[in-house]
Full PDB file with SEQRES, HELIX, SHEET, SSBOND, CRYST1, ORIGX, SCALE, CONECT and MASTER records, all heavy atoms in Angstrom:
SEQRES   1 A   35  GLY GLN VAL GLN GLU VAL CYS ASP ARG VAL GLY ILE MET          
SEQRES   2 A   35  ALA ARG GLY GLU MET VAL ARG GLU GLY SER LEU ASP GLU          
SEQRES   3 A   35  LEU THR ALA ILE GLU ARG GLN THR GLU                          
HELIX    1 AA1 LEU A   24  THR A   28  1                                   5    
SHEET    1 AA1 2 VAL A  10  ALA A  14  0                                        
SHEET    2 AA1 2 GLU A  17  GLY A  22 -1                                        
CRYST1    1.000    1.000    1.000  90.00  90.00  90.00 P 1           1          
ORIGX1      1.000000  0.000000  0.000000        0.00000                         
ORIGX2      0.000000  1.000000  0.000000        0.00000                         
ORIGX3      0.000000  0.000000  1.000000        0.00000                         
SCALE1      1.000000  0.000000  0.000000        0.00000                         
SCALE2      0.000000  1.000000  0.000000        0.00000                         
SCALE3      0.000000  0.000000  1.000000        0.00000                         
ATOM      1  N   GLY A   1       0.789  -1.210   0.000  1.00  0.00           N  
ATOM      2  CA  GLY A   1       0.000   0.000   0.000  1.00  0.00           C  
ATOM      3  C   GLY A   1       0.830   1.272   0.000  1.00  0.00           C  
ATOM      4  O   GLY A   1       0.388   2.307  -0.482  1.00  0.00           O  
ATOM      5  N   GLN A   2       2.052   1.207   0.533  1.00  0.00           N  
ATOM      6  CA  GLN A   2       2.893   2.391   0.624  1.00  0.00           C  
ATOM      7  C   GLN A   2       3.591   2.726  -0.696  1.00  0.00           C  
ATOM      8  O   GLN A   2       4.112   3.809  -0.860  1.00  0.00           O  
ATOM      9  CB  GLN A   2       3.941   2.214   1.724  1.00  0.00           C  
ATOM     10  CG  GLN A   2       3.350   2.225   3.127  1.00  0.00           C  
ATOM     11  CD  GLN A   2       4.414   2.242   4.193  1.00  0.00           C  
ATOM     12  OE1 GLN A   2       5.567   1.872   3.969  1.00  0.00           O  
ATOM     13  NE2 GLN A   2       4.033   2.673   5.384  1.00  0.00           N  
ATOM     14  N   VAL A   3       3.615   1.800  -1.625  1.00  0.00           N  
ATOM     15  CA  VAL A   3       4.329   2.063  -2.875  1.00  0.00           C  
ATOM     16  C   VAL A   3       3.433   1.979  -4.104  1.00  0.00           C  
ATOM     17  O   VAL A   3       3.877   2.273  -5.214  1.00  0.00           O  
ATOM     18  CB  VAL A   3       5.512   1.078  -3.050  1.00  0.00           C  
ATOM     19  CG1 VAL A   3       6.510   1.222  -1.925  1.00  0.00           C  
ATOM     20  CG2 VAL A   3       5.026  -0.360  -3.130  1.00  0.00           C  
ATOM     21  N   GLN A   4       2.163   1.632  -3.926  1.00  0.00           N  
ATOM     22  CA  GLN A   4       1.303   1.405  -5.086  1.00  0.00           C  
ATOM     23  C   GLN A   4       1.053   2.670  -5.898  1.00  0.00           C  
ATOM     24  O   GLN A   4       0.678   2.584  -7.073  1.00  0.00           O  
ATOM     25  CB  GLN A   4      -0.014   0.784  -4.655  1.00  0.00           C  
ATOM     26  CG  GLN A   4      -0.873   1.659  -3.755  1.00  0.00           C  
ATOM     27  CD  GLN A   4      -2.151   0.971  -3.312  1.00  0.00           C  
ATOM     28  OE1 GLN A   4      -2.414  -0.174  -3.692  1.00  0.00           O  
ATOM     29  NE2 GLN A   4      -2.949   1.646  -2.517  1.00  0.00           N  
ATOM     30  N   GLU A   5       1.261   3.838  -5.301  1.00  0.00           N  
ATOM     31  CA  GLU A   5       1.013   5.073  -6.024  1.00  0.00           C  
ATOM     32  C   GLU A   5       2.226   5.554  -6.818  1.00  0.00           C  
ATOM     33  O   GLU A   5       2.098   6.478  -7.622  1.00  0.00           O  
ATOM     34  CB  GLU A   5       0.587   6.169  -5.049  1.00  0.00           C  
ATOM     35  CG  GLU A   5      -0.727   5.891  -4.343  1.00  0.00           C  
ATOM     36  CD  GLU A   5      -1.096   6.986  -3.361  1.00  0.00           C  
ATOM     37  OE1 GLU A   5      -0.345   7.979  -3.279  1.00  0.00           O  
ATOM     38  OE2 GLU A   5      -2.117   6.851  -2.679  1.00  0.00           O  
ATOM     39  N   VAL A   6       3.402   4.958  -6.582  1.00  0.00           N  
ATOM     40  CA  VAL A   6       4.604   5.499  -7.220  1.00  0.00           C  
ATOM     41  C   VAL A   6       5.291   4.531  -8.174  1.00  0.00           C  
ATOM     42  O   VAL A   6       6.058   4.961  -9.043  1.00  0.00           O  
ATOM     43  CB  VAL A   6       5.638   5.962  -6.154  1.00  0.00           C  
ATOM     44  CG1 VAL A   6       5.049   7.047  -5.278  1.00  0.00           C  
ATOM     45  CG2 VAL A   6       6.127   4.794  -5.310  1.00  0.00           C  
ATOM     46  N   CYS A   7       5.044   3.241  -8.048  1.00  0.00           N  
ATOM     47  CA  CYS A   7       5.813   2.266  -8.816  1.00  0.00           C  
ATOM     48  C   CYS A   7       5.223   2.023 -10.205  1.00  0.00           C  
ATOM     49  O   CYS A   7       4.006   1.913 -10.373  1.00  0.00           O  
ATOM     50  CB  CYS A   7       5.882   0.929  -8.072  1.00  0.00           C  
ATOM     51  SG  CYS A   7       6.877   0.984  -6.583  1.00  0.00           S  
ATOM     52  N   ASP A   8       6.110   1.938 -11.185  1.00  0.00           N  
ATOM     53  CA  ASP A   8       5.709   1.530 -12.530  1.00  0.00           C  
ATOM     54  C   ASP A   8       5.597   0.013 -12.612  1.00  0.00           C  
ATOM     55  O   ASP A   8       4.672  -0.517 -13.233  1.00  0.00           O  
ATOM     56  CB  ASP A   8       6.729   2.017 -13.560  1.00  0.00           C  
ATOM     57  CG  ASP A   8       6.830   3.530 -13.582  1.00  0.00           C  
ATOM     58  OD1 ASP A   8       5.801   4.182 -13.790  1.00  0.00           O  
ATOM     59  OD2 ASP A   8       7.933   4.054 -13.379  1.00  0.00           O  
ATOM     60  N   ARG A   9       6.557  -0.667 -12.003  1.00  0.00           N  
ATOM     61  CA  ARG A   9       6.536  -2.126 -11.956  1.00  0.00           C  
ATOM     62  C   ARG A   9       6.917  -2.589 -10.560  1.00  0.00           C  
ATOM     63  O   ARG A   9       7.574  -1.872  -9.807  1.00  0.00           O  
ATOM     64  CB  ARG A   9       7.510  -2.740 -12.970  1.00  0.00           C  
ATOM     65  CG  ARG A   9       7.063  -2.590 -14.410  1.00  0.00           C  
ATOM     66  CD  ARG A   9       7.901  -3.460 -15.351  1.00  0.00           C  
ATOM     67  NE  ARG A   9       9.317  -3.144 -15.263  1.00  0.00           N  
ATOM     68  CZ  ARG A   9      10.268  -4.046 -15.031  1.00  0.00           C  
ATOM     69  NH1 ARG A   9       9.955  -5.316 -14.852  1.00  0.00           N  
ATOM     70  NH2 ARG A   9      11.534  -3.673 -14.986  1.00  0.00           N  
ATOM     71  N   VAL A  10       6.498  -3.804 -10.246  1.00  0.00           N  
ATOM     72  CA  VAL A  10       6.707  -4.356  -8.911  1.00  0.00           C  
ATOM     73  C   VAL A  10       7.170  -5.800  -9.027  1.00  0.00           C  
ATOM     74  O   VAL A  10       6.676  -6.556  -9.870  1.00  0.00           O  
ATOM     75  CB  VAL A  10       5.399  -4.296  -8.086  1.00  0.00           C  
ATOM     76  CG1 VAL A  10       5.515  -5.144  -6.827  1.00  0.00           C  
ATOM     77  CG2 VAL A  10       5.074  -2.859  -7.707  1.00  0.00           C  
ATOM     78  N   GLY A  11       8.144  -6.159  -8.190  1.00  0.00           N  
ATOM     79  CA  GLY A  11       8.543  -7.550  -8.047  1.00  0.00           C  
ATOM     80  C   GLY A  11       8.292  -7.967  -6.609  1.00  0.00           C  
ATOM     81  O   GLY A  11       8.627  -7.225  -5.681  1.00  0.00           O  
ATOM     82  N   ILE A  12       7.692  -9.114  -6.414  1.00  0.00           N  
ATOM     83  CA  ILE A  12       7.372  -9.603  -5.068  1.00  0.00           C  
ATOM     84  C   ILE A  12       8.250 -10.806  -4.757  1.00  0.00           C  
ATOM     85  O   ILE A  12       8.236 -11.802  -5.481  1.00  0.00           O  
ATOM     86  CB  ILE A  12       5.883  -9.985  -4.943  1.00  0.00           C  
ATOM     87  CG1 ILE A  12       5.010  -8.767  -5.272  1.00  0.00           C  
ATOM     88  CG2 ILE A  12       5.577 -10.484  -3.532  1.00  0.00           C  
ATOM     89  CD1 ILE A  12       3.521  -9.058  -5.257  1.00  0.00           C  
ATOM     90  N   MET A  13       9.022 -10.697  -3.667  1.00  0.00           N  
ATOM     91  CA  MET A  13       9.912 -11.767  -3.243  1.00  0.00           C  
ATOM     92  C   MET A  13       9.351 -12.495  -2.027  1.00  0.00           C  
ATOM     93  O   MET A  13       8.670 -11.899  -1.191  1.00  0.00           O  
ATOM     94  CB  MET A  13      11.307 -11.221  -2.915  1.00  0.00           C  
ATOM     95  CG  MET A  13      12.055 -10.644  -4.090  1.00  0.00           C  
ATOM     96  SD  MET A  13      13.742 -10.120  -3.645  1.00  0.00           S  
ATOM     97  CE  MET A  13      14.490 -11.727  -3.233  1.00  0.00           C  
ATOM     98  N   ALA A  14       9.675 -13.774  -1.934  1.00  0.00           N  
ATOM     99  CA  ALA A  14       9.325 -14.584  -0.766  1.00  0.00           C  
ATOM    100  C   ALA A  14      10.343 -15.707  -0.660  1.00  0.00           C  
ATOM    101  O   ALA A  14      10.670 -16.348  -1.664  1.00  0.00           O  
ATOM    102  CB  ALA A  14       7.914 -15.153  -0.897  1.00  0.00           C  
ATOM    103  N   ARG A  15      10.900 -15.873   0.517  1.00  0.00           N  
ATOM    104  CA  ARG A  15      11.878 -16.932   0.779  1.00  0.00           C  
ATOM    105  C   ARG A  15      13.054 -16.868  -0.198  1.00  0.00           C  
ATOM    106  O   ARG A  15      13.545 -17.896  -0.656  1.00  0.00           O  
ATOM    107  CB  ARG A  15      11.195 -18.306   0.725  1.00  0.00           C  
ATOM    108  CG  ARG A  15      10.098 -18.467   1.772  1.00  0.00           C  
ATOM    109  CD  ARG A  15       9.294 -19.731   1.558  1.00  0.00           C  
ATOM    110  NE  ARG A  15       8.587 -19.690   0.275  1.00  0.00           N  
ATOM    111  CZ  ARG A  15       7.439 -19.043   0.082  1.00  0.00           C  
ATOM    112  NH1 ARG A  15       6.858 -18.405   1.063  1.00  0.00           N  
ATOM    113  NH2 ARG A  15       6.876 -19.042  -1.111  1.00  0.00           N  
ATOM    114  N   GLY A  16      13.449 -15.658  -0.537  1.00  0.00           N  
ATOM    115  CA  GLY A  16      14.625 -15.461  -1.384  1.00  0.00           C  
ATOM    116  C   GLY A  16      14.376 -15.574  -2.871  1.00  0.00           C  
ATOM    117  O   GLY A  16      15.311 -15.414  -3.666  1.00  0.00           O  
ATOM    118  N   GLU A  17      13.142 -15.812  -3.284  1.00  0.00           N  
ATOM    119  CA  GLU A  17      12.838 -15.993  -4.705  1.00  0.00           C  
ATOM    120  C   GLU A  17      11.820 -14.961  -5.186  1.00  0.00           C  
ATOM    121  O   GLU A  17      11.019 -14.448  -4.396  1.00  0.00           O  
ATOM    122  CB  GLU A  17      12.290 -17.398  -4.958  1.00  0.00           C  
ATOM    123  CG  GLU A  17      13.249 -18.520  -4.623  1.00  0.00           C  
ATOM    124  CD  GLU A  17      12.673 -19.887  -4.918  1.00  0.00           C  
ATOM    125  OE1 GLU A  17      11.984 -20.437  -4.037  1.00  0.00           O  
ATOM    126  OE2 GLU A  17      12.892 -20.393  -6.037  1.00  0.00           O  
ATOM    127  N   MET A  18      11.850 -14.672  -6.474  1.00  0.00           N  
ATOM    128  CA  MET A  18      10.852 -13.804  -7.091  1.00  0.00           C  
ATOM    129  C   MET A  18       9.613 -14.645  -7.376  1.00  0.00           C  
ATOM    130  O   MET A  18       9.660 -15.610  -8.144  1.00  0.00           O  
ATOM    131  CB  MET A  18      11.383 -13.195  -8.389  1.00  0.00           C  
ATOM    132  CG  MET A  18      10.440 -12.214  -9.051  1.00  0.00           C  
ATOM    133  SD  MET A  18      10.340 -10.644  -8.189  1.00  0.00           S  
ATOM    134  CE  MET A  18      11.930  -9.914  -8.677  1.00  0.00           C  
ATOM    135  N   VAL A  19       8.487 -14.273  -6.766  1.00  0.00           N  
ATOM    136  CA  VAL A  19       7.272 -15.068  -6.928  1.00  0.00           C  
ATOM    137  C   VAL A  19       6.266 -14.422  -7.870  1.00  0.00           C  
ATOM    138  O   VAL A  19       5.463 -15.112  -8.506  1.00  0.00           O  
ATOM    139  CB  VAL A  19       6.616 -15.349  -5.559  1.00  0.00           C  
ATOM    140  CG1 VAL A  19       7.494 -16.257  -4.733  1.00  0.00           C  
ATOM    141  CG2 VAL A  19       6.329 -14.060  -4.804  1.00  0.00           C  
ATOM    142  N   ARG A  20       6.270 -13.084  -7.969  1.00  0.00           N  
ATOM    143  CA  ARG A  20       5.398 -12.370  -8.909  1.00  0.00           C  
ATOM    144  C   ARG A  20       6.115 -11.131  -9.390  1.00  0.00           C  
ATOM    145  O   ARG A  20       6.863 -10.511  -8.648  1.00  0.00           O  
ATOM    146  CB  ARG A  20       4.071 -11.961  -8.246  1.00  0.00           C  
ATOM    147  CG  ARG A  20       3.169 -13.091  -7.814  1.00  0.00           C  
ATOM    148  CD  ARG A  20       2.477 -13.749  -8.988  1.00  0.00           C  
ATOM    149  NE  ARG A  20       1.675 -12.834  -9.772  1.00  0.00           N  
ATOM    150  CZ  ARG A  20       0.431 -12.473  -9.463  1.00  0.00           C  
ATOM    151  NH1 ARG A  20      -0.137 -12.926  -8.367  1.00  0.00           N  
ATOM    152  NH2 ARG A  20      -0.241 -11.659 -10.254  1.00  0.00           N  
ATOM    153  N   GLU A  21       5.831 -10.712 -10.629  1.00  0.00           N  
ATOM    154  CA  GLU A  21       6.419  -9.489 -11.148  1.00  0.00           C  
ATOM    155  C   GLU A  21       5.514  -8.930 -12.240  1.00  0.00           C  
ATOM    156  O   GLU A  21       4.917  -9.690 -13.010  1.00  0.00           O  
ATOM    157  CB  GLU A  21       7.818  -9.729 -11.711  1.00  0.00           C  
ATOM    158  CG  GLU A  21       8.540  -8.439 -12.110  1.00  0.00           C  
ATOM    159  CD  GLU A  21       9.937  -8.688 -12.649  1.00  0.00           C  
ATOM    160  OE1 GLU A  21      10.134  -9.744 -13.295  1.00  0.00           O  
ATOM    161  OE2 GLU A  21      10.812  -7.842 -12.426  1.00  0.00           O  
ATOM    162  N   GLY A  22       5.398  -7.619 -12.292  1.00  0.00           N  
ATOM    163  CA  GLY A  22       4.600  -6.986 -13.325  1.00  0.00           C  
ATOM    164  C   GLY A  22       4.175  -5.594 -12.900  1.00  0.00           C  
ATOM    165  O   GLY A  22       4.600  -5.083 -11.860  1.00  0.00           O  
ATOM    166  N   SER A  23       3.328  -4.953 -13.696  1.00  0.00           N  
ATOM    167  CA  SER A  23       2.790  -3.650 -13.319  1.00  0.00           C  
ATOM    168  C   SER A  23       1.747  -3.846 -12.226  1.00  0.00           C  
ATOM    169  O   SER A  23       1.232  -4.956 -12.023  1.00  0.00           O  
ATOM    170  CB  SER A  23       2.160  -2.973 -14.529  1.00  0.00           C  
ATOM    171  OG  SER A  23       0.980  -3.654 -14.921  1.00  0.00           O  
ATOM    172  N   LEU A  24       1.406  -2.768 -11.528  1.00  0.00           N  
ATOM    173  CA  LEU A  24       0.425  -2.870 -10.455  1.00  0.00           C  
ATOM    174  C   LEU A  24      -0.935  -3.293 -10.995  1.00  0.00           C  
ATOM    175  O   LEU A  24      -1.653  -4.069 -10.361  1.00  0.00           O  
ATOM    176  CB  LEU A  24       0.314  -1.541  -9.714  1.00  0.00           C  
ATOM    177  CG  LEU A  24       1.455  -1.254  -8.738  1.00  0.00           C  
ATOM    178  CD1 LEU A  24       1.377   0.176  -8.245  1.00  0.00           C  
ATOM    179  CD2 LEU A  24       1.415  -2.212  -7.570  1.00  0.00           C  
ATOM    180  N   ASP A  25      -1.293  -2.792 -12.174  1.00  0.00           N  
ATOM    181  CA  ASP A  25      -2.575  -3.187 -12.773  1.00  0.00           C  
ATOM    182  C   ASP A  25      -2.607  -4.688 -13.045  1.00  0.00           C  
ATOM    183  O   ASP A  25      -3.618  -5.353 -12.817  1.00  0.00           O  
ATOM    184  CB  ASP A  25      -2.814  -2.421 -14.071  1.00  0.00           C  
ATOM    185  CG  ASP A  25      -3.184  -0.964 -13.825  1.00  0.00           C  
ATOM    186  OD1 ASP A  25      -3.590  -0.650 -12.688  1.00  0.00           O  
ATOM    187  OD2 ASP A  25      -3.054  -0.159 -14.757  1.00  0.00           O  
ATOM    188  N   GLU A  26      -1.481  -5.213 -13.533  1.00  0.00           N  
ATOM    189  CA  GLU A  26      -1.414  -6.650 -13.830  1.00  0.00           C  
ATOM    190  C   GLU A  26      -1.503  -7.477 -12.556  1.00  0.00           C  
ATOM    191  O   GLU A  26      -2.136  -8.542 -12.527  1.00  0.00           O  
ATOM    192  CB  GLU A  26      -0.111  -6.964 -14.559  1.00  0.00           C  
ATOM    193  CG  GLU A  26      -0.009  -6.373 -15.954  1.00  0.00           C  
ATOM    194  CD  GLU A  26       1.367  -6.519 -16.564  1.00  0.00           C  
ATOM    195  OE1 GLU A  26       2.335  -6.772 -15.805  1.00  0.00           O  
ATOM    196  OE2 GLU A  26       1.490  -6.360 -17.783  1.00  0.00           O  
ATOM    197  N   LEU A  27      -0.865  -7.006 -11.497  1.00  0.00           N  
ATOM    198  CA  LEU A  27      -0.807  -7.795 -10.267  1.00  0.00           C  
ATOM    199  C   LEU A  27      -2.094  -7.717  -9.460  1.00  0.00           C  
ATOM    200  O   LEU A  27      -2.440  -8.677  -8.759  1.00  0.00           O  
ATOM    201  CB  LEU A  27       0.366  -7.329  -9.397  1.00  0.00           C  
ATOM    202  CG  LEU A  27       1.766  -7.560  -9.967  1.00  0.00           C  
ATOM    203  CD1 LEU A  27       2.809  -6.965  -9.036  1.00  0.00           C  
ATOM    204  CD2 LEU A  27       2.040  -9.045 -10.167  1.00  0.00           C  
ATOM    205  N   THR A  28      -2.792  -6.588  -9.518  1.00  0.00           N  
ATOM    206  CA  THR A  28      -3.959  -6.413  -8.657  1.00  0.00           C  
ATOM    207  C   THR A  28      -5.290  -6.684  -9.367  1.00  0.00           C  
ATOM    208  O   THR A  28      -6.327  -6.745  -8.710  1.00  0.00           O  
ATOM    209  CB  THR A  28      -3.996  -4.979  -8.086  1.00  0.00           C  
ATOM    210  OG1 THR A  28      -4.018  -4.035  -9.164  1.00  0.00           O  
ATOM    211  CG2 THR A  28      -2.765  -4.715  -7.220  1.00  0.00           C  
ATOM    212  N   ALA A  29      -5.263  -6.824 -10.683  1.00  0.00           N  
ATOM    213  CA  ALA A  29      -6.519  -7.067 -11.406  1.00  0.00           C  
ATOM    214  C   ALA A  29      -7.089  -8.433 -11.053  1.00  0.00           C  
ATOM    215  O   ALA A  29      -6.355  -9.414 -10.900  1.00  0.00           O  
ATOM    216  CB  ALA A  29      -6.287  -6.971 -12.909  1.00  0.00           C  
ATOM    217  N   ILE A  30      -8.402  -8.503 -10.914  1.00  0.00           N  
ATOM    218  CA  ILE A  30      -9.092  -9.772 -10.680  1.00  0.00           C  
ATOM    219  C   ILE A  30      -9.488 -10.348 -12.025  1.00  0.00           C  
ATOM    220  O   ILE A  30     -10.234  -9.726 -12.787  1.00  0.00           O  
ATOM    221  CB  ILE A  30     -10.341  -9.568  -9.796  1.00  0.00           C  
ATOM    222  CG1 ILE A  30      -9.931  -8.961  -8.447  1.00  0.00           C  
ATOM    223  CG2 ILE A  30     -11.076 -10.888  -9.586  1.00  0.00           C  
ATOM    224  CD1 ILE A  30     -11.107  -8.629  -7.546  1.00  0.00           C  
ATOM    225  N   GLU A  31      -8.982 -11.515 -12.315  1.00  0.00           N  
ATOM    226  CA  GLU A  31      -9.226 -12.121 -13.618  1.00  0.00           C  
ATOM    227  C   GLU A  31     -10.710 -12.438 -13.809  1.00  0.00           C  
ATOM    228  O   GLU A  31     -11.418 -12.775 -12.866  1.00  0.00           O  
ATOM    229  CB  GLU A  31      -8.389 -13.390 -13.774  1.00  0.00           C  
ATOM    230  CG  GLU A  31      -6.888 -13.138 -13.779  1.00  0.00           C  
ATOM    231  CD  GLU A  31      -6.097 -14.410 -14.000  1.00  0.00           C  
ATOM    232  OE1 GLU A  31      -6.731 -15.477 -14.173  1.00  0.00           O  
ATOM    233  OE2 GLU A  31      -4.855 -14.345 -13.984  1.00  0.00           O  
ATOM    234  N   ARG A  32     -11.163 -12.298 -15.043  1.00  0.00           N  
ATOM    235  CA  ARG A  32     -12.518 -12.636 -15.470  1.00  0.00           C  
ATOM    236  C   ARG A  32     -13.584 -11.734 -14.869  1.00  0.00           C  
ATOM    237  O   ARG A  32     -14.767 -12.065 -14.891  1.00  0.00           O  
ATOM    238  CB  ARG A  32     -12.835 -14.102 -15.125  1.00  0.00           C  
ATOM    239  CG  ARG A  32     -11.915 -15.126 -15.790  1.00  0.00           C  
ATOM    240  CD  ARG A  32     -12.182 -16.515 -15.261  1.00  0.00           C  
ATOM    241  NE  ARG A  32     -13.594 -16.875 -15.442  1.00  0.00           N  
ATOM    242  CZ  ARG A  32     -14.247 -17.750 -14.676  1.00  0.00           C  
ATOM    243  NH1 ARG A  32     -13.639 -18.331 -13.670  1.00  0.00           N  
ATOM    244  NH2 ARG A  32     -15.516 -18.031 -14.926  1.00  0.00           N  
ATOM    245  N   GLN A  33     -13.187 -10.569 -14.305  1.00  0.00           N  
ATOM    246  CA  GLN A  33     -14.174  -9.640 -13.786  1.00  0.00           C  
ATOM    247  C   GLN A  33     -13.920  -8.246 -14.330  1.00  0.00           C  
ATOM    248  O   GLN A  33     -12.777  -7.845 -14.522  1.00  0.00           O  
ATOM    249  CB  GLN A  33     -14.155  -9.608 -12.253  1.00  0.00           C  
ATOM    250  CG  GLN A  33     -14.645 -10.891 -11.601  1.00  0.00           C  
ATOM    251  CD  GLN A  33     -14.833 -10.741 -10.108  1.00  0.00           C  
ATOM    252  OE1 GLN A  33     -14.856  -9.632  -9.583  1.00  0.00           O  
ATOM    253  NE2 GLN A  33     -14.961 -11.861  -9.404  1.00  0.00           N  
ATOM    254  N   THR A  34     -15.004  -7.504 -14.596  1.00  0.00           N  
ATOM    255  CA  THR A  34     -14.922  -6.120 -15.062  1.00  0.00           C  
ATOM    256  C   THR A  34     -15.774  -5.256 -14.152  1.00  0.00           C  
ATOM    257  O   THR A  34     -16.911  -5.614 -13.821  1.00  0.00           O  
ATOM    258  CB  THR A  34     -15.436  -5.998 -16.510  1.00  0.00           C  
ATOM    259  OG1 THR A  34     -14.668  -6.865 -17.350  1.00  0.00           O  
ATOM    260  CG2 THR A  34     -15.310  -4.565 -17.005  1.00  0.00           C  
ATOM    261  N   GLU A  35     -15.223  -4.105 -13.734  1.00  0.00           N  
ATOM    262  CA  GLU A  35     -15.943  -3.222 -12.823  1.00  0.00           C  
ATOM    263  C   GLU A  35     -16.392  -1.966 -13.567  1.00  0.00           C  
ATOM    264  O   GLU A  35     -15.605  -1.337 -14.281  1.00  0.00           O  
ATOM    265  CB  GLU A  35     -15.042  -2.831 -11.654  1.00  0.00           C  
ATOM    266  CG  GLU A  35     -15.737  -1.998 -10.593  1.00  0.00           C  
ATOM    267  CD  GLU A  35     -14.841  -1.733  -9.397  1.00  0.00           C  
ATOM    268  OE1 GLU A  35     -13.844  -1.007  -9.560  1.00  0.00           O  
ATOM    269  OE2 GLU A  35     -15.121  -2.268  -8.318  1.00  0.00           O  
TER     270      GLU A  35                                                      
MASTER        0    0    0    1    2    0    0    6  269    1    0    3          
END                                                                             
């Protein structure tokens, strides 16, 4: 939440590995739904 307004792209790490990467829209969008 502290970086969602400034980042162009985001990489998410867990246990030393990259688990997700992409733009905020790509990472936060809910698949198969339109608002």
